[in-house]
Amino acid sequence: LITDPAQAAAQAVKMAMEGKVRTLDGVEIDISVQTICCHGDTPGAEKIVRTVREALEKAGVAVKSLRDWLPAQ
């Protein structure tokens, strides 16, 4: 669980832009990212989400609500 906003933002941008994530043991693996979630009960969640969103937008990633991303039912 990442609780540092800058670290969370850096990881989110790397996941979205490069399709990579570093595991707990330091191995970088390929992933396919379509959504990023933040646990609302994490201390400082609001700051984490704000920082992640700003970093993603600055990197040119389209940030959408889940409602806008899911197909209409």
PDB file of N, CA and C in Angstrom:
ATOM      1  N   LEU A   1       0.852  -1.177   0.000  1.00  0.00           N
ATOM      2  CA  LEU A   1       0.000   0.000   0.000  1.00  0.00           C
ATOM      3  C   LEU A   1       0.893   1.233   0.000  1.00  0.00           C
ATOM      4  N   ILE A   2       0.714   2.084  -0.974  1.00  0.00           N
ATOM      5  CA  ILE A   2       1.506   3.313  -1.069  1.00  0.00           C
ATOM      6  C   ILE A   2       0.725   4.441  -0.406  1.00  0.00           C
ATOM      7  N   THR A   3       1.339   5.110   0.562  1.00  0.00           N
ATOM      8  CA  THR A   3       0.672   6.210   1.257  1.00  0.00           C
ATOM      9  C   THR A   3       1.305   7.563   0.959  1.00  0.00           C
ATOM     10  N   ASP A   4       2.450   7.574   0.287  1.00  0.00           N
ATOM     11  CA  ASP A   4       3.104   8.830  -0.084  1.00  0.00           C
ATOM     12  C   ASP A   4       2.522   9.315  -1.410  1.00  0.00           C
ATOM     13  N   PRO A   5       1.912  10.515  -1.431  1.00  0.00           N
ATOM     14  CA  PRO A   5       1.269  11.001  -2.658  1.00  0.00           C
ATOM     15  C   PRO A   5       2.203  11.063  -3.866  1.00  0.00           C
ATOM     16  N   ALA A   6       3.424  11.534  -3.682  1.00  0.00           N
ATOM     17  CA  ALA A   6       4.361  11.642  -4.810  1.00  0.00           C
ATOM     18  C   ALA A   6       4.739  10.264  -5.345  1.00  0.00           C
ATOM     19  N   GLN A   7       4.932   9.312  -4.451  1.00  0.00           N
ATOM     20  CA  GLN A   7       5.270   7.950  -4.874  1.00  0.00           C
ATOM     21  C   GLN A   7       4.091   7.312  -5.604  1.00  0.00           C
ATOM     22  N   ALA A   8       2.882   7.528  -5.092  1.00  0.00           N
ATOM     23  CA  ALA A   8       1.683   6.989  -5.750  1.00  0.00           C
ATOM     24  C   ALA A   8       1.524   7.596  -7.138  1.00  0.00           C
ATOM     25  N   ALA A   9       1.760   8.905  -7.248  1.00  0.00           N
ATOM     26  CA  ALA A   9       1.630   9.583  -8.537  1.00  0.00           C
ATOM     27  C   ALA A   9       2.654   9.058  -9.535  1.00  0.00           C
ATOM     28  N   ALA A  10       3.893   8.904  -9.093  1.00  0.00           N
ATOM     29  CA  ALA A  10       4.943   8.400  -9.986  1.00  0.00           C
ATOM     30  C   ALA A  10       4.613   6.996 -10.478  1.00  0.00           C
ATOM     31  N   GLN A  11       4.123   6.156  -9.584  1.00  0.00           N
ATOM     32  CA  GLN A  11       3.780   4.794  -9.994  1.00  0.00           C
ATOM     33  C   GLN A  11       2.595   4.795 -10.951  1.00  0.00           C
ATOM     34  N   ALA A  12       1.592   5.617 -10.689  1.00  0.00           N
ATOM     35  CA  ALA A  12       0.420   5.674 -11.565  1.00  0.00           C
ATOM     36  C   ALA A  12       0.809   6.124 -12.969  1.00  0.00           C
ATOM     37  N   VAL A  13       1.660   7.133 -13.068  1.00  0.00           N
ATOM     38  CA  VAL A  13       2.096   7.623 -14.378  1.00  0.00           C
ATOM     39  C   VAL A  13       2.901   6.544 -15.103  1.00  0.00           C
ATOM     40  N   LYS A  14       3.790   5.870 -14.405  1.00  0.00           N
ATOM     41  CA  LYS A  14       4.593   4.799 -15.024  1.00  0.00           C
ATOM     42  C   LYS A  14       3.684   3.682 -15.525  1.00  0.00           C
ATOM     43  N   MET A  15       2.681   3.319 -14.734  1.00  0.00           N
ATOM     44  CA  MET A  15       1.742   2.276 -15.131  1.00  0.00           C
ATOM     45  C   MET A  15       0.970   2.696 -16.375  1.00  0.00           C
ATOM     46  N   ALA A  16       0.466   3.926 -16.367  1.00  0.00           N
ATOM     47  CA  ALA A  16      -0.370   4.397 -17.474  1.00  0.00           C
ATOM     48  C   ALA A  16       0.432   4.646 -18.747  1.00  0.00           C
ATOM     49  N   MET A  17       1.613   5.219 -18.623  1.00  0.00           N
ATOM     50  CA  MET A  17       2.385   5.621 -19.795  1.00  0.00           C
ATOM     51  C   MET A  17       3.290   4.512 -20.343  1.00  0.00           C
ATOM     52  N   GLU A  18       3.832   3.689 -19.445  1.00  0.00           N
ATOM     53  CA  GLU A  18       4.807   2.678 -19.864  1.00  0.00           C
ATOM     54  C   GLU A  18       4.294   1.251 -19.742  1.00  0.00           C
ATOM     55  N   GLY A  19       3.166   1.069 -19.040  1.00  0.00           N
ATOM     56  CA  GLY A  19       2.650  -0.282 -18.823  1.00  0.00           C
ATOM     57  C   GLY A  19       3.578  -1.124 -17.967  1.00  0.00           C
ATOM     58  N   LYS A  20       4.212  -0.485 -16.990  1.00  0.00           N
ATOM     59  CA  LYS A  20       5.176  -1.162 -16.115  1.00  0.00           C
ATOM     60  C   LYS A  20       4.863  -0.836 -14.659  1.00  0.00           C
ATOM     61  N   VAL A  21       5.198  -1.790 -13.787  1.00  0.00           N
ATOM     62  CA  VAL A  21       5.104  -1.564 -12.347  1.00  0.00           C
ATOM     63  C   VAL A  21       6.235  -2.329 -11.673  1.00  0.00           C
ATOM     64  N   ARG A  22       6.745  -1.764 -10.590  1.00  0.00           N
ATOM     65  CA  ARG A  22       7.814  -2.420  -9.832  1.00  0.00           C
ATOM     66  C   ARG A  22       7.177  -3.170  -8.667  1.00  0.00           C
ATOM     67  N   THR A  23       7.509  -4.451  -8.546  1.00  0.00           N
ATOM     68  CA  THR A  23       6.967  -5.284  -7.478  1.00  0.00           C
ATOM     69  C   THR A  23       7.659  -4.969  -6.154  1.00  0.00           C
ATOM     70  N   LEU A  24       7.139  -5.528  -5.067  1.00  0.00           N
ATOM     71  CA  LEU A  24       7.726  -5.302  -3.749  1.00  0.00           C
ATOM     72  C   LEU A  24       9.175  -5.761  -3.667  1.00  0.00           C
ATOM     73  N   ASP A  25       9.534  -6.776  -4.442  1.00  0.00           N
ATOM     74  CA  ASP A  25      10.921  -7.246  -4.426  1.00  0.00           C
ATOM     75  C   ASP A  25      11.789  -6.584  -5.497  1.00  0.00           C
ATOM     76  N   GLY A  26      11.280  -5.498  -6.099  1.00  0.00           N
ATOM     77  CA  GLY A  26      12.088  -4.695  -7.002  1.00  0.00           C
ATOM     78  C   GLY A  26      12.113  -5.116  -8.452  1.00  0.00           C
ATOM     79  N   VAL A  27      11.325  -6.098  -8.825  1.00  0.00           N
ATOM     80  CA  VAL A  27      11.279  -6.560 -10.209  1.00  0.00           C
ATOM     81  C   VAL A  27      10.263  -5.717 -10.983  1.00  0.00           C
ATOM     82  N   GLU A  28      10.650  -5.235 -12.151  1.00  0.00           N
ATOM     83  CA  GLU A  28       9.728  -4.470 -12.989  1.00  0.00           C
ATOM     84  C   GLU A  28       8.996  -5.429 -13.920  1.00  0.00           C
ATOM     85  N   ILE A  29       7.661  -5.350 -13.907  1.00  0.00           N
ATOM     86  CA  ILE A  29       6.862  -6.249 -14.742  1.00  0.00           C
ATOM     87  C   ILE A  29       5.943  -5.439 -15.650  1.00  0.00           C
ATOM     88  N   ASP A  30       5.541  -6.047 -16.758  1.00  0.00           N
ATOM     89  CA  ASP A  30       4.604  -5.435 -17.694  1.00  0.00           C
ATOM     90  C   ASP A  30       3.178  -5.638 -17.189  1.00  0.00           C
ATOM     91  N   ILE A  31       2.349  -4.599 -17.345  1.00  0.00           N
ATOM     92  CA  ILE A  31       0.942  -4.682 -16.974  1.00  0.00           C
ATOM     93  C   ILE A  31       0.112  -3.908 -17.986  1.00  0.00           C
ATOM     94  N   SER A  32      -1.163  -4.175 -18.016  1.00  0.00           N
ATOM     95  CA  SER A  32      -2.107  -3.411 -18.828  1.00  0.00           C
ATOM     96  C   SER A  32      -3.045  -2.695 -17.863  1.00  0.00           C
ATOM     97  N   VAL A  33      -3.055  -1.381 -17.915  1.00  0.00           N
ATOM     98  CA  VAL A  33      -3.825  -0.592 -16.952  1.00  0.00           C
ATOM     99  C   VAL A  33      -5.001   0.087 -17.641  1.00  0.00           C
ATOM    100  N   GLN A  34      -6.165  -0.108 -17.083  1.00  0.00           N
ATOM    101  CA  GLN A  34      -7.351   0.596 -17.567  1.00  0.00           C
ATOM    102  C   GLN A  34      -7.966   1.454 -16.473  1.00  0.00           C
ATOM    103  N   THR A  35      -7.771   1.053 -15.222  1.00  0.00           N
ATOM    104  CA  THR A  35      -8.284   1.830 -14.094  1.00  0.00           C
ATOM    105  C   THR A  35      -7.238   1.870 -12.989  1.00  0.00           C
ATOM    106  N   ILE A  36      -7.324   2.902 -12.179  1.00  0.00           N
ATOM    107  CA  ILE A  36      -6.482   3.032 -10.994  1.00  0.00           C
ATOM    108  C   ILE A  36      -7.420   3.327  -9.834  1.00  0.00           C
ATOM    109  N   CYS A  37      -7.268   2.586  -8.753  1.00  0.00           N
ATOM    110  CA  CYS A  37      -8.145   2.734  -7.590  1.00  0.00           C
ATOM    111  C   CYS A  37      -7.347   3.225  -6.391  1.00  0.00           C
ATOM    112  N   CYS A  38      -8.017   3.961  -5.523  1.00  0.00           N
ATOM    113  CA  CYS A  38      -7.434   4.385  -4.259  1.00  0.00           C
ATOM    114  C   CYS A  38      -8.426   4.034  -3.158  1.00  0.00           C
ATOM    115  N   HIS A  39      -7.937   3.401  -2.108  1.00  0.00           N
ATOM    116  CA  HIS A  39      -8.791   3.062  -0.981  1.00  0.00           C
ATOM    117  C   HIS A  39      -9.135   4.338  -0.216  1.00  0.00           C
ATOM    118  N   GLY A  40     -10.409   4.632  -0.100  1.00  0.00           N
ATOM    119  CA  GLY A  40     -10.853   5.845   0.576  1.00  0.00           C
ATOM    120  C   GLY A  40     -10.532   5.875   2.052  1.00  0.00           C
ATOM    121  N   ASP A  41     -10.291   4.717   2.670  1.00  0.00           N
ATOM    122  CA  ASP A  41      -9.980   4.690   4.098  1.00  0.00           C
ATOM    123  C   ASP A  41      -8.477   4.782   4.375  1.00  0.00           C
ATOM    124  N   THR A  42      -7.674   4.941   3.339  1.00  0.00           N
ATOM    125  CA  THR A  42      -6.238   5.144   3.524  1.00  0.00           C
ATOM    126  C   THR A  42      -6.015   6.536   4.100  1.00  0.00           C
ATOM    127  N   PRO A  43      -5.235   6.662   5.173  1.00  0.00           N
ATOM    128  CA  PRO A  43      -4.942   8.002   5.689  1.00  0.00           C
ATOM    129  C   PRO A  43      -4.346   8.877   4.585  1.00  0.00           C
ATOM    130  N   GLY A  44      -4.910  10.072   4.410  1.00  0.00           N
ATOM    131  CA  GLY A  44      -4.430  10.991   3.386  1.00  0.00           C
ATOM    132  C   GLY A  44      -4.924  10.680   1.988  1.00  0.00           C
ATOM    133  N   ALA A  45      -5.972   9.859   1.868  1.00  0.00           N
ATOM    134  CA  ALA A  45      -6.473   9.431   0.552  1.00  0.00           C
ATOM    135  C   ALA A  45      -6.804  10.610  -0.353  1.00  0.00           C
ATOM    136  N   GLU A  46      -7.400  11.650   0.198  1.00  0.00           N
ATOM    137  CA  GLU A  46      -7.781  12.798  -0.636  1.00  0.00           C
ATOM    138  C   GLU A  46      -6.552  13.437  -1.285  1.00  0.00           C
ATOM    139  N   LYS A  47      -5.489  13.612  -0.522  1.00  0.00           N
ATOM    140  CA  LYS A  47      -4.249  14.199  -1.066  1.00  0.00           C
ATOM    141  C   LYS A  47      -3.615  13.254  -2.090  1.00  0.00           C
ATOM    142  N   ILE A  48      -3.645  11.959  -1.810  1.00  0.00           N
ATOM    143  CA  ILE A  48      -3.083  10.982  -2.745  1.00  0.00           C
ATOM    144  C   ILE A  48      -3.820  11.054  -4.076  1.00  0.00           C
ATOM    145  N   VAL A  49      -5.143  11.024  -4.031  1.00  0.00           N
ATOM    146  CA  VAL A  49      -5.948  11.051  -5.257  1.00  0.00           C
ATOM    147  C   VAL A  49      -5.718  12.345  -6.029  1.00  0.00           C
ATOM    148  N   ARG A  50      -5.686  13.452  -5.330  1.00  0.00           N
ATOM    149  CA  ARG A  50      -5.472  14.745  -5.993  1.00  0.00           C
ATOM    150  C   ARG A  50      -4.103  14.771  -6.684  1.00  0.00           C
ATOM    151  N   THR A  51      -3.072  14.305  -5.993  1.00  0.00           N
ATOM    152  CA  THR A  51      -1.716  14.300  -6.543  1.00  0.00           C
ATOM    153  C   THR A  51      -1.603  13.357  -7.738  1.00  0.00           C
ATOM    154  N   VAL A  52      -2.209  12.171  -7.628  1.00  0.00           N
ATOM    155  CA  VAL A  52      -2.191  11.209  -8.731  1.00  0.00           C
ATOM    156  C   VAL A  52      -2.905  11.784  -9.945  1.00  0.00           C
ATOM    157  N   ARG A  53      -4.077  12.361  -9.740  1.00  0.00           N
ATOM    158  CA  ARG A  53      -4.835  12.926 -10.862  1.00  0.00           C
ATOM    159  C   ARG A  53      -4.042  14.028 -11.559  1.00  0.00           C
ATOM    160  N   GLU A  54      -3.462  14.935 -10.782  1.00  0.00           N
ATOM    161  CA  GLU A  54      -2.681  16.031 -11.364  1.00  0.00           C
ATOM    162  C   GLU A  54      -1.499  15.493 -12.175  1.00  0.00           C
ATOM    163  N   ALA A  55      -0.821  14.486 -11.652  1.00  0.00           N
ATOM    164  CA  ALA A  55       0.335  13.915 -12.356  1.00  0.00           C
ATOM    165  C   ALA A  55      -0.093  13.223 -13.645  1.00  0.00           C
ATOM    166  N   LEU A  56      -1.201  12.489 -13.595  1.00  0.00           N
ATOM    167  CA  LEU A  56      -1.692  11.813 -14.800  1.00  0.00           C
ATOM    168  C   LEU A  56      -2.093  12.827 -15.867  1.00  0.00           C
ATOM    169  N   GLU A  57      -2.816  13.862 -15.466  1.00  0.00           N
ATOM    170  CA  GLU A  57      -3.234  14.885 -16.434  1.00  0.00           C
ATOM    171  C   GLU A  57      -2.024  15.608 -17.023  1.00  0.00           C
ATOM    172  N   LYS A  58      -1.035  15.914 -16.187  1.00  0.00           N
ATOM    173  CA  LYS A  58       0.183  16.581 -16.667  1.00  0.00           C
ATOM    174  C   LYS A  58       0.913  15.708 -17.688  1.00  0.00           C
ATOM    175  N   ALA A  59       0.827  14.388 -17.515  1.00  0.00           N
ATOM    176  CA  ALA A  59       1.473  13.444 -18.437  1.00  0.00           C
ATOM    177  C   ALA A  59       0.643  13.211 -19.695  1.00  0.00           C
ATOM    178  N   GLY A  60      -0.546  13.811 -19.757  1.00  0.00           N
ATOM    179  CA  GLY A  60      -1.387  13.666 -20.942  1.00  0.00           C
ATOM    180  C   GLY A  60      -2.336  12.487 -20.909  1.00  0.00           C
ATOM    181  N   VAL A  61      -2.513  11.890 -19.744  1.00  0.00           N
ATOM    182  CA  VAL A  61      -3.421  10.753 -19.598  1.00  0.00           C
ATOM    183  C   VAL A  61      -4.844  11.279 -19.415  1.00  0.00           C
ATOM    184  N   ALA A  62      -5.792  10.702 -20.143  1.00  0.00           N
ATOM    185  CA  ALA A  62      -7.201  11.078 -19.997  1.00  0.00           C
ATOM    186  C   ALA A  62      -7.738  10.474 -18.706  1.00  0.00           C
ATOM    187  N   VAL A  63      -8.187  11.328 -17.798  1.00  0.00           N
ATOM    188  CA  VAL A  63      -8.751  10.872 -16.525  1.00  0.00           C
ATOM    189  C   VAL A  63     -10.263  10.997 -16.618  1.00  0.00           C
ATOM    190  N   LYS A  64     -10.952   9.882 -16.418  1.00  0.00           N
ATOM    191  CA  LYS A  64     -12.412   9.856 -16.516  1.00  0.00           C
ATOM    192  C   LYS A  64     -12.984   9.181 -15.285  1.00  0.00           C
ATOM    193  N   SER A  65     -14.225   9.529 -14.963  1.00  0.00           N
ATOM    194  CA  SER A  65     -14.896   8.816 -13.880  1.00  0.00           C
ATOM    195  C   SER A  65     -15.245   7.419 -14.373  1.00  0.00           C
ATOM    196  N   LEU A  66     -15.402   6.499 -13.463  1.00  0.00           N
ATOM    197  CA  LEU A  66     -15.753   5.131 -13.833  1.00  0.00           C
ATOM    198  C   LEU A  66     -17.078   5.115 -14.584  1.00  0.00           C
ATOM    199  N   ARG A  67     -17.991   5.965 -14.200  1.00  0.00           N
ATOM    200  CA  ARG A  67     -19.297   6.071 -14.861  1.00  0.00           C
ATOM    201  C   ARG A  67     -19.134   6.404 -16.347  1.00  0.00           C
ATOM    202  N   ASP A  68     -18.197   7.280 -16.672  1.00  0.00           N
ATOM    203  CA  ASP A  68     -17.967   7.664 -18.070  1.00  0.00           C
ATOM    204  C   ASP A  68     -17.184   6.605 -18.839  1.00  0.00           C
ATOM    205  N   TRP A  69     -16.464   5.771 -18.145  1.00  0.00           N
ATOM    206  CA  TRP A  69     -15.615   4.776 -18.783  1.00  0.00           C
ATOM    207  C   TRP A  69     -16.368   3.486 -19.100  1.00  0.00           C
ATOM    208  N   LEU A  70     -17.283   3.091 -18.213  1.00  0.00           N
ATOM    209  CA  LEU A  70     -18.039   1.854 -18.419  1.00  0.00           C
ATOM    210  C   LEU A  70     -19.075   2.022 -19.520  1.00  0.00           C
ATOM    211  N   PRO A  71     -19.356   0.965 -20.266  1.00  0.00           N
ATOM    212  CA  PRO A  71     -20.405   1.054 -21.289  1.00  0.00           C
ATOM    213  C   PRO A  71     -21.778   1.243 -20.640  1.00  0.00           C
ATOM    214  N   ALA A  72     -22.649   1.963 -21.323  1.00  0.00           N
ATOM    215  CA  ALA A  72     -24.008   2.194 -20.811  1.00  0.00           C
ATOM    216  C   ALA A  72     -24.748   0.867 -20.702  1.00  0.00           C
ATOM    217  N   GLN A  73     -25.570   0.769 -19.685  1.00  0.00           N
ATOM    218  CA  GLN A  73     -26.326  -0.476 -19.484  1.00  0.00           C
ATOM    219  C   GLN A  73     -27.792  -0.268 -19.723  1.00  0.00           C
TER     220      GLN A  73
END
